[in-house]
Amino acid sequence: VELTLEEIEAYRLRHVNKLDQKESAQKMKTSAS
């Protein structure tokens, strides 16, 4: 199963850094959706 760096970054921000969806989206420079 192949994960992209974007998927790993999203997972890391949410579960390792404990950020909420809005903060994580801002860090990735993308929309919340």
Full PDB file with SEQRES, HELIX, SHEET, SSBOND, CRYST1, ORIGX, SCALE, CONECT and MASTER records, all heavy atoms in Angstrom:
SEQRES   1 A   33  VAL GLU LEU THR LEU GLU GLU ILE GLU ALA TYR ARG LEU          
SEQRES   2 A   33  ARG HIS VAL ASN LYS LEU ASP GLN LYS GLU SER ALA GLN          
SEQRES   3 A   33  LYS MET LYS THR SER ALA SER                                  
HELIX    1 AA1 LEU A    5  HIS A   15  1                                  11    
HELIX    2 AA2 GLN A   21  MET A   28  1                                   8    
CRYST1    1.000    1.000    1.000  90.00  90.00  90.00 P 1           1          
ORIGX1      1.000000  0.000000  0.000000        0.00000                         
ORIGX2      0.000000  1.000000  0.000000        0.00000                         
ORIGX3      0.000000  0.000000  1.000000        0.00000                         
SCALE1      1.000000  0.000000  0.000000        0.00000                         
SCALE2      0.000000  1.000000  0.000000        0.00000                         
SCALE3      0.000000  0.000000  1.000000        0.00000                         
ATOM      1  N   VAL A   1       0.876  -1.167   0.000  1.00  0.00           N  
ATOM      2  CA  VAL A   1       0.000   0.000   0.000  1.00  0.00           C  
ATOM      3  C   VAL A   1       0.917   1.220   0.000  1.00  0.00           C  
ATOM      4  O   VAL A   1       1.814   1.316   0.838  1.00  0.00           O  
ATOM      5  CB  VAL A   1      -0.904   0.014   1.254  1.00  0.00           C  
ATOM      6  CG1 VAL A   1      -1.683   1.303   1.342  1.00  0.00           C  
ATOM      7  CG2 VAL A   1      -1.831  -1.182   1.251  1.00  0.00           C  
ATOM      8  N   GLU A   2       0.708   2.146  -0.937  1.00  0.00           N  
ATOM      9  CA  GLU A   2       1.573   3.313  -1.036  1.00  0.00           C  
ATOM     10  C   GLU A   2       0.896   4.547  -0.458  1.00  0.00           C  
ATOM     11  O   GLU A   2      -0.204   4.905  -0.845  1.00  0.00           O  
ATOM     12  CB  GLU A   2       1.959   3.555  -2.492  1.00  0.00           C  
ATOM     13  CG  GLU A   2       2.819   2.452  -3.050  1.00  0.00           C  
ATOM     14  CD  GLU A   2       3.370   2.756  -4.434  1.00  0.00           C  
ATOM     15  OE1 GLU A   2       3.247   3.914  -4.883  1.00  0.00           O  
ATOM     16  OE2 GLU A   2       3.908   1.836  -5.051  1.00  0.00           O  
ATOM     17  N   LEU A   3       1.594   5.187   0.480  1.00  0.00           N  
ATOM     18  CA  LEU A   3       1.144   6.446   1.070  1.00  0.00           C  
ATOM     19  C   LEU A   3       1.975   7.584   0.499  1.00  0.00           C  
ATOM     20  O   LEU A   3       3.195   7.455   0.362  1.00  0.00           O  
ATOM     21  CB  LEU A   3       1.325   6.435   2.589  1.00  0.00           C  
ATOM     22  CG  LEU A   3       0.418   5.544   3.405  1.00  0.00           C  
ATOM     23  CD1 LEU A   3       0.873   5.527   4.858  1.00  0.00           C  
ATOM     24  CD2 LEU A   3      -0.997   6.035   3.329  1.00  0.00           C  
ATOM     25  N   THR A   4       1.326   8.691   0.195  1.00  0.00           N  
ATOM     26  CA  THR A   4       2.057   9.854  -0.300  1.00  0.00           C  
ATOM     27  C   THR A   4       2.617  10.641   0.881  1.00  0.00           C  
ATOM     28  O   THR A   4       2.169  10.479   2.025  1.00  0.00           O  
ATOM     29  CB  THR A   4       1.147  10.777  -1.131  1.00  0.00           C  
ATOM     30  OG1 THR A   4       0.149  11.333  -0.267  1.00  0.00           O  
ATOM     31  CG2 THR A   4       0.497  10.032  -2.286  1.00  0.00           C  
ATOM     32  N   LEU A   5       3.567  11.516   0.600  1.00  0.00           N  
ATOM     33  CA  LEU A   5       4.104  12.371   1.654  1.00  0.00           C  
ATOM     34  C   LEU A   5       3.017  13.282   2.214  1.00  0.00           C  
ATOM     35  O   LEU A   5       3.017  13.587   3.407  1.00  0.00           O  
ATOM     36  CB  LEU A   5       5.265  13.210   1.115  1.00  0.00           C  
ATOM     37  CG  LEU A   5       6.590  12.476   0.952  1.00  0.00           C  
ATOM     38  CD1 LEU A   5       7.630  13.388   0.322  1.00  0.00           C  
ATOM     39  CD2 LEU A   5       7.090  11.951   2.278  1.00  0.00           C  
ATOM     40  N   GLU A   6       2.089  13.714   1.370  1.00  0.00           N  
ATOM     41  CA  GLU A   6       0.972  14.544   1.844  1.00  0.00           C  
ATOM     42  C   GLU A   6       0.126  13.790   2.869  1.00  0.00           C  
ATOM     43  O   GLU A   6      -0.290  14.360   3.882  1.00  0.00           O  
ATOM     44  CB  GLU A   6       0.077  14.965   0.683  1.00  0.00           C  
ATOM     45  CG  GLU A   6       0.701  15.983  -0.224  1.00  0.00           C  
ATOM     46  CD  GLU A   6      -0.182  16.300  -1.412  1.00  0.00           C  
ATOM     47  OE1 GLU A   6      -1.143  15.543  -1.689  1.00  0.00           O  
ATOM     48  OE2 GLU A   6       0.092  17.309  -2.068  1.00  0.00           O  
ATOM     49  N   GLU A   7      -0.142  12.523   2.596  1.00  0.00           N  
ATOM     50  CA  GLU A   7      -0.950  11.718   3.518  1.00  0.00           C  
ATOM     51  C   GLU A   7      -0.232  11.512   4.851  1.00  0.00           C  
ATOM     52  O   GLU A   7      -0.840  11.617   5.915  1.00  0.00           O  
ATOM     53  CB  GLU A   7      -1.301  10.378   2.878  1.00  0.00           C  
ATOM     54  CG  GLU A   7      -2.274  10.518   1.728  1.00  0.00           C  
ATOM     55  CD  GLU A   7      -2.397   9.276   0.879  1.00  0.00           C  
ATOM     56  OE1 GLU A   7      -1.436   8.470   0.812  1.00  0.00           O  
ATOM     57  OE2 GLU A   7      -3.461   9.114   0.254  1.00  0.00           O  
ATOM     58  N   ILE A   8       1.073  11.252   4.800  1.00  0.00           N  
ATOM     59  CA  ILE A   8       1.847  11.078   6.024  1.00  0.00           C  
ATOM     60  C   ILE A   8       1.910  12.381   6.802  1.00  0.00           C  
ATOM     61  O   ILE A   8       1.792  12.402   8.033  1.00  0.00           O  
ATOM     62  CB  ILE A   8       3.270  10.554   5.704  1.00  0.00           C  
ATOM     63  CG1 ILE A   8       3.193   9.098   5.272  1.00  0.00           C  
ATOM     64  CG2 ILE A   8       4.216  10.710   6.880  1.00  0.00           C  
ATOM     65  CD1 ILE A   8       2.685   8.162   6.334  1.00  0.00           C  
ATOM     66  N   GLU A   9       2.076  13.507   6.104  1.00  0.00           N  
ATOM     67  CA  GLU A   9       2.117  14.804   6.770  1.00  0.00           C  
ATOM     68  C   GLU A   9       0.783  15.114   7.450  1.00  0.00           C  
ATOM     69  O   GLU A   9       0.747  15.570   8.602  1.00  0.00           O  
ATOM     70  CB  GLU A   9       2.469  15.908   5.764  1.00  0.00           C  
ATOM     71  CG  GLU A   9       2.453  17.305   6.334  1.00  0.00           C  
ATOM     72  CD  GLU A   9       3.599  17.623   7.285  1.00  0.00           C  
ATOM     73  OE1 GLU A   9       4.333  16.710   7.708  1.00  0.00           O  
ATOM     74  OE2 GLU A   9       3.758  18.805   7.620  1.00  0.00           O  
ATOM     75  N   ALA A  10      -0.313  14.855   6.765  1.00  0.00           N  
ATOM     76  CA  ALA A  10      -1.642  15.083   7.352  1.00  0.00           C  
ATOM     77  C   ALA A  10      -1.825  14.218   8.595  1.00  0.00           C  
ATOM     78  O   ALA A  10      -2.305  14.697   9.631  1.00  0.00           O  
ATOM     79  CB  ALA A  10      -2.730  14.789   6.321  1.00  0.00           C  
ATOM     80  N   TYR A  11      -1.437  12.960   8.515  1.00  0.00           N  
ATOM     81  CA  TYR A  11      -1.541  12.036   9.646  1.00  0.00           C  
ATOM     82  C   TYR A  11      -0.662  12.501  10.812  1.00  0.00           C  
ATOM     83  O   TYR A  11      -1.073  12.498  11.961  1.00  0.00           O  
ATOM     84  CB  TYR A  11      -1.134  10.640   9.184  1.00  0.00           C  
ATOM     85  CG  TYR A  11      -1.494   9.551  10.161  1.00  0.00           C  
ATOM     86  CD1 TYR A  11      -2.746   8.961  10.136  1.00  0.00           C  
ATOM     87  CD2 TYR A  11      -0.573   9.103  11.100  1.00  0.00           C  
ATOM     88  CE1 TYR A  11      -3.084   7.955  11.032  1.00  0.00           C  
ATOM     89  CE2 TYR A  11      -0.895   8.117  11.998  1.00  0.00           C  
ATOM     90  CZ  TYR A  11      -2.153   7.538  11.963  1.00  0.00           C  
ATOM     91  OH  TYR A  11      -2.489   6.566  12.851  1.00  0.00           O  
ATOM     92  N   ARG A  12       0.552  12.921  10.499  1.00  0.00           N  
ATOM     93  CA  ARG A  12       1.495  13.385  11.531  1.00  0.00           C  
ATOM     94  C   ARG A  12       0.974  14.637  12.240  1.00  0.00           C  
ATOM     95  O   ARG A  12       1.008  14.723  13.467  1.00  0.00           O  
ATOM     96  CB  ARG A  12       2.852  13.686  10.884  1.00  0.00           C  
ATOM     97  CG  ARG A  12       3.917  14.166  11.866  1.00  0.00           C  
ATOM     98  CD  ARG A  12       5.201  14.520  11.136  1.00  0.00           C  
ATOM     99  NE  ARG A  12       5.081  15.779  10.433  1.00  0.00           N  
ATOM    100  CZ  ARG A  12       5.332  16.974  10.981  1.00  0.00           C  
ATOM    101  NH1 ARG A  12       5.709  17.067  12.236  1.00  0.00           N  
ATOM    102  NH2 ARG A  12       5.206  18.074  10.263  1.00  0.00           N  
ATOM    103  N   LEU A  13       0.486  15.602  11.473  1.00  0.00           N  
ATOM    104  CA  LEU A  13      -0.012  16.833  12.080  1.00  0.00           C  
ATOM    105  C   LEU A  13      -1.177  16.547  13.023  1.00  0.00           C  
ATOM    106  O   LEU A  13      -1.277  17.136  14.095  1.00  0.00           O  
ATOM    107  CB  LEU A  13      -0.436  17.825  10.997  1.00  0.00           C  
ATOM    108  CG  LEU A  13       0.694  18.446  10.181  1.00  0.00           C  
ATOM    109  CD1 LEU A  13       0.127  19.248   9.021  1.00  0.00           C  
ATOM    110  CD2 LEU A  13       1.602  19.295  11.046  1.00  0.00           C  
ATOM    111  N   ARG A  14      -2.056  15.638  12.615  1.00  0.00           N  
ATOM    112  CA  ARG A  14      -3.240  15.345  13.420  1.00  0.00           C  
ATOM    113  C   ARG A  14      -2.919  14.513  14.653  1.00  0.00           C  
ATOM    114  O   ARG A  14      -3.376  14.788  15.750  1.00  0.00           O  
ATOM    115  CB  ARG A  14      -4.285  14.623  12.553  1.00  0.00           C  
ATOM    116  CG  ARG A  14      -5.529  14.213  13.295  1.00  0.00           C  
ATOM    117  CD  ARG A  14      -6.334  15.442  13.723  1.00  0.00           C  
ATOM    118  NE  ARG A  14      -7.442  15.058  14.555  1.00  0.00           N  
ATOM    119  CZ  ARG A  14      -7.435  15.169  15.888  1.00  0.00           C  
ATOM    120  NH1 ARG A  14      -6.402  15.674  16.513  1.00  0.00           N  
ATOM    121  NH2 ARG A  14      -8.473  14.784  16.586  1.00  0.00           N  
ATOM    122  N   HIS A  15      -2.110  13.457  14.487  1.00  0.00           N  
ATOM    123  CA  HIS A  15      -1.943  12.485  15.569  1.00  0.00           C  
ATOM    124  C   HIS A  15      -0.641  12.612  16.355  1.00  0.00           C  
ATOM    125  O   HIS A  15      -0.596  12.185  17.511  1.00  0.00           O  
ATOM    126  CB  HIS A  15      -2.103  11.066  15.031  1.00  0.00           C  
ATOM    127  CG  HIS A  15      -3.480  10.825  14.501  1.00  0.00           C  
ATOM    128  ND1 HIS A  15      -4.571  10.682  15.318  1.00  0.00           N  
ATOM    129  CD2 HIS A  15      -3.947  10.765  13.238  1.00  0.00           C  
ATOM    130  CE1 HIS A  15      -5.664  10.523  14.580  1.00  0.00           C  
ATOM    131  NE2 HIS A  15      -5.305  10.575  13.318  1.00  0.00           N  
ATOM    132  N   VAL A  16       0.392  13.146  15.766  1.00  0.00           N  
ATOM    133  CA  VAL A  16       1.647  13.319  16.496  1.00  0.00           C  
ATOM    134  C   VAL A  16       1.711  14.721  17.095  1.00  0.00           C  
ATOM    135  O   VAL A  16       2.010  14.890  18.276  1.00  0.00           O  
ATOM    136  CB  VAL A  16       2.870  13.057  15.583  1.00  0.00           C  
ATOM    137  CG1 VAL A  16       4.169  13.345  16.310  1.00  0.00           C  
ATOM    138  CG2 VAL A  16       2.847  11.618  15.088  1.00  0.00           C  
ATOM    139  N   ASN A  17       1.377  15.725  16.277  1.00  0.00           N  
ATOM    140  CA  ASN A  17       1.412  17.111  16.750  1.00  0.00           C  
ATOM    141  C   ASN A  17       0.122  17.532  17.447  1.00  0.00           C  
ATOM    142  O   ASN A  17       0.057  18.620  18.006  1.00  0.00           O  
ATOM    143  CB  ASN A  17       1.703  18.069  15.597  1.00  0.00           C  
ATOM    144  CG  ASN A  17       3.107  17.906  15.062  1.00  0.00           C  
ATOM    145  OD1 ASN A  17       3.868  17.093  15.532  1.00  0.00           O  
ATOM    146  ND2 ASN A  17       3.445  18.689  14.069  1.00  0.00           N  
ATOM    147  N   LYS A  18      -0.901  16.684  17.367  1.00  0.00           N  
ATOM    148  CA  LYS A  18      -2.192  16.922  18.035  1.00  0.00           C  
ATOM    149  C   LYS A  18      -2.861  18.239  17.616  1.00  0.00           C  
ATOM    150  O   LYS A  18      -3.464  18.925  18.431  1.00  0.00           O  
ATOM    151  CB  LYS A  18      -2.030  16.911  19.556  1.00  0.00           C  
ATOM    152  CG  LYS A  18      -1.305  15.715  20.111  1.00  0.00           C  
ATOM    153  CD  LYS A  18      -2.245  14.579  20.349  1.00  0.00           C  
ATOM    154  CE  LYS A  18      -1.539  13.498  21.148  1.00  0.00           C  
ATOM    155  NZ  LYS A  18      -1.536  12.229  20.534  1.00  0.00           N  
ATOM    156  N   LEU A  19      -2.752  18.586  16.341  1.00  0.00           N  
ATOM    157  CA  LEU A  19      -3.402  19.790  15.825  1.00  0.00           C  
ATOM    158  C   LEU A  19      -4.807  19.454  15.348  1.00  0.00           C  
ATOM    159  O   LEU A  19      -5.069  18.335  14.926  1.00  0.00           O  
ATOM    160  CB  LEU A  19      -2.598  20.378  14.662  1.00  0.00           C  
ATOM    161  CG  LEU A  19      -1.162  20.808  14.977  1.00  0.00           C  
ATOM    162  CD1 LEU A  19      -0.498  21.325  13.705  1.00  0.00           C  
ATOM    163  CD2 LEU A  19      -1.125  21.853  16.065  1.00  0.00           C  
ATOM    164  N   ASP A  20      -5.703  20.433  15.394  1.00  0.00           N  
ATOM    165  CA  ASP A  20      -7.039  20.191  14.849  1.00  0.00           C  
ATOM    166  C   ASP A  20      -7.015  20.381  13.328  1.00  0.00           C  
ATOM    167  O   ASP A  20      -5.990  20.734  12.742  1.00  0.00           O  
ATOM    168  CB  ASP A  20      -8.094  21.066  15.522  1.00  0.00           C  
ATOM    169  CG  ASP A  20      -7.914  22.554  15.261  1.00  0.00           C  
ATOM    170  OD1 ASP A  20      -7.209  22.937  14.314  1.00  0.00           O  
ATOM    171  OD2 ASP A  20      -8.493  23.352  16.020  1.00  0.00           O  
ATOM    172  N   GLN A  21      -8.154  20.133  12.707  1.00  0.00           N  
ATOM    173  CA  GLN A  21      -8.238  20.152  11.245  1.00  0.00           C  
ATOM    174  C   GLN A  21      -7.868  21.521  10.668  1.00  0.00           C  
ATOM    175  O   GLN A  21      -7.119  21.600   9.686  1.00  0.00           O  
ATOM    176  CB  GLN A  21      -9.650  19.765  10.805  1.00  0.00           C  
ATOM    177  CG  GLN A  21      -9.825  19.773   9.307  1.00  0.00           C  
ATOM    178  CD  GLN A  21     -11.201  19.284   8.889  1.00  0.00           C  
ATOM    179  OE1 GLN A  21     -11.789  18.466   9.581  1.00  0.00           O  
ATOM    180  NE2 GLN A  21     -11.683  19.762   7.774  1.00  0.00           N  
ATOM    181  N   LYS A  22      -8.355  22.571  11.276  1.00  0.00           N  
ATOM    182  CA  LYS A  22      -8.106  23.922  10.756  1.00  0.00           C  
ATOM    183  C   LYS A  22      -6.619  24.276  10.837  1.00  0.00           C  
ATOM    184  O   LYS A  22      -6.040  24.784   9.872  1.00  0.00           O  
ATOM    185  CB  LYS A  22      -8.944  24.933  11.542  1.00  0.00           C  
ATOM    186  CG  LYS A  22      -8.884  26.317  10.999  1.00  0.00           C  
ATOM    187  CD  LYS A  22      -9.820  27.234  11.769  1.00  0.00           C  
ATOM    188  CE  LYS A  22      -9.749  28.652  11.235  1.00  0.00           C  
ATOM    189  NZ  LYS A  22     -10.610  29.560  11.978  1.00  0.00           N  
ATOM    190  N   GLU A  23      -5.997  24.009  11.986  1.00  0.00           N  
ATOM    191  CA  GLU A  23      -4.573  24.302  12.152  1.00  0.00           C  
ATOM    192  C   GLU A  23      -3.709  23.463  11.205  1.00  0.00           C  
ATOM    193  O   GLU A  23      -2.759  23.971  10.608  1.00  0.00           O  
ATOM    194  CB  GLU A  23      -4.135  24.031  13.588  1.00  0.00           C  
ATOM    195  CG  GLU A  23      -4.729  24.966  14.613  1.00  0.00           C  
ATOM    196  CD  GLU A  23      -4.432  24.513  16.025  1.00  0.00           C  
ATOM    197  OE1 GLU A  23      -4.518  23.298  16.302  1.00  0.00           O  
ATOM    198  OE2 GLU A  23      -4.112  25.388  16.838  1.00  0.00           O  
ATOM    199  N   SER A  24      -4.062  22.195  11.055  1.00  0.00           N  
ATOM    200  CA  SER A  24      -3.316  21.308  10.170  1.00  0.00           C  
ATOM    201  C   SER A  24      -3.422  21.769   8.723  1.00  0.00           C  
ATOM    202  O   SER A  24      -2.430  21.792   7.992  1.00  0.00           O  
ATOM    203  CB  SER A  24      -3.830  19.881  10.291  1.00  0.00           C  
ATOM    204  OG  SER A  24      -3.641  19.398  11.594  1.00  0.00           O  
ATOM    205  N   ALA A  25      -4.615  22.153   8.314  1.00  0.00           N  
ATOM    206  CA  ALA A  25      -4.815  22.630   6.944  1.00  0.00           C  
ATOM    207  C   ALA A  25      -4.005  23.895   6.693  1.00  0.00           C  
ATOM    208  O   ALA A  25      -3.392  24.050   5.617  1.00  0.00           O  
ATOM    209  CB  ALA A  25      -6.298  22.884   6.686  1.00  0.00           C  
ATOM    210  N   GLN A  26      -3.952  24.785   7.666  1.00  0.00           N  
ATOM    211  CA  GLN A  26      -3.161  26.006   7.517  1.00  0.00           C  
ATOM    212  C   GLN A  26      -1.683  25.687   7.371  1.00  0.00           C  
ATOM    213  O   GLN A  26      -0.988  26.285   6.554  1.00  0.00           O  
ATOM    214  CB  GLN A  26      -3.385  26.935   8.708  1.00  0.00           C  
ATOM    215  CG  GLN A  26      -4.741  27.586   8.704  1.00  0.00           C  
ATOM    216  CD  GLN A  26      -5.032  28.358   9.979  1.00  0.00           C  
ATOM    217  OE1 GLN A  26      -4.318  28.222  10.987  1.00  0.00           O  
ATOM    218  NE2 GLN A  26      -6.094  29.154   9.960  1.00  0.00           N  
ATOM    219  N   LYS A  27      -1.193  24.734   8.173  1.00  0.00           N  
ATOM    220  CA  LYS A  27       0.222  24.346   8.076  1.00  0.00           C  
ATOM    221  C   LYS A  27       0.555  23.744   6.716  1.00  0.00           C  
ATOM    222  O   LYS A  27       1.656  23.920   6.211  1.00  0.00           O  
ATOM    223  CB  LYS A  27       0.588  23.368   9.179  1.00  0.00           C  
ATOM    224  CG  LYS A  27       0.619  24.002  10.540  1.00  0.00           C  
ATOM    225  CD  LYS A  27       1.806  23.475  11.305  1.00  0.00           C  
ATOM    226  CE  LYS A  27       1.816  24.096  12.671  1.00  0.00           C  
ATOM    227  NZ  LYS A  27       2.940  24.954  12.883  1.00  0.00           N  
ATOM    228  N   MET A  28      -0.403  23.011   6.135  1.00  0.00           N  
ATOM    229  CA  MET A  28      -0.176  22.397   4.820  1.00  0.00           C  
ATOM    230  C   MET A  28      -0.529  23.343   3.677  1.00  0.00           C  
ATOM    231  O   MET A  28      -0.364  22.991   2.520  1.00  0.00           O  
ATOM    232  CB  MET A  28      -0.979  21.100   4.694  1.00  0.00           C  
ATOM    233  CG  MET A  28      -0.424  19.978   5.527  1.00  0.00           C  
ATOM    234  SD  MET A  28      -1.293  18.422   5.276  1.00  0.00           S  
ATOM    235  CE  MET A  28      -0.789  18.004   3.616  1.00  0.00           C  
ATOM    236  N   LYS A  29      -1.020  24.545   4.019  1.00  0.00           N  
ATOM    237  CA  LYS A  29      -1.411  25.547   3.031  1.00  0.00           C  
ATOM    238  C   LYS A  29      -2.465  25.007   2.073  1.00  0.00           C  
ATOM    239  O   LYS A  29      -2.321  25.073   0.848  1.00  0.00           O  
ATOM    240  CB  LYS A  29      -0.200  26.080   2.276  1.00  0.00           C  
ATOM    241  CG  LYS A  29       0.802  26.777   3.178  1.00  0.00           C  
ATOM    242  CD  LYS A  29       1.805  27.563   2.395  1.00  0.00           C  
ATOM    243  CE  LYS A  29       2.877  28.146   3.250  1.00  0.00           C  
ATOM    244  NZ  LYS A  29       2.537  29.122   4.195  1.00  0.00           N  
ATOM    245  N   THR A  30      -3.522  24.443   2.655  1.00  0.00           N  
ATOM    246  CA  THR A  30      -4.630  23.905   1.880  1.00  0.00           C  
ATOM    247  C   THR A  30      -5.937  24.199   2.618  1.00  0.00           C  
ATOM    248  O   THR A  30      -5.926  24.640   3.753  1.00  0.00           O  
ATOM    249  CB  THR A  30      -4.441  22.390   1.647  1.00  0.00           C  
ATOM    250  OG1 THR A  30      -5.391  21.943   0.719  1.00  0.00           O  
ATOM    251  CG2 THR A  30      -4.541  21.597   2.920  1.00  0.00           C  
ATOM    252  N   SER A  31      -7.036  23.939   1.964  1.00  0.00           N  
ATOM    253  CA  SER A  31      -8.329  24.155   2.616  1.00  0.00           C  
ATOM    254  C   SER A  31      -8.599  23.017   3.610  1.00  0.00           C  
ATOM    255  O   SER A  31      -8.021  21.931   3.507  1.00  0.00           O  
ATOM    256  CB  SER A  31      -9.449  24.204   1.578  1.00  0.00           C  
ATOM    257  OG  SER A  31      -9.644  22.931   1.015  1.00  0.00           O  
ATOM    258  N   ALA A  32      -9.497  23.289   4.542  1.00  0.00           N  
ATOM    259  CA  ALA A  32      -9.841  22.278   5.544  1.00  0.00           C  
ATOM    260  C   ALA A  32     -10.467  21.048   4.892  1.00  0.00           C  
ATOM    261  O   ALA A  32     -10.200  19.919   5.302  1.00  0.00           O  
ATOM    262  CB  ALA A  32     -10.782  22.868   6.587  1.00  0.00           C  
ATOM    263  N   SER A  33     -11.286  21.250   3.859  1.00  0.00           N  
ATOM    264  CA  SER A  33     -11.927  20.103   3.205  1.00  0.00           C  
ATOM    265  C   SER A  33     -10.912  19.257   2.437  1.00  0.00           C  
ATOM    266  O   SER A  33     -10.988  18.029   2.441  1.00  0.00           O  
ATOM    267  CB  SER A  33     -13.061  20.569   2.282  1.00  0.00           C  
ATOM    268  OG  SER A  33     -12.564  21.418   1.285  1.00  0.00           O  
TER     269      SER A  33                                                      
MASTER        0    0    0    2    0    0    0    6  268    1    0    3          
END                                                                             
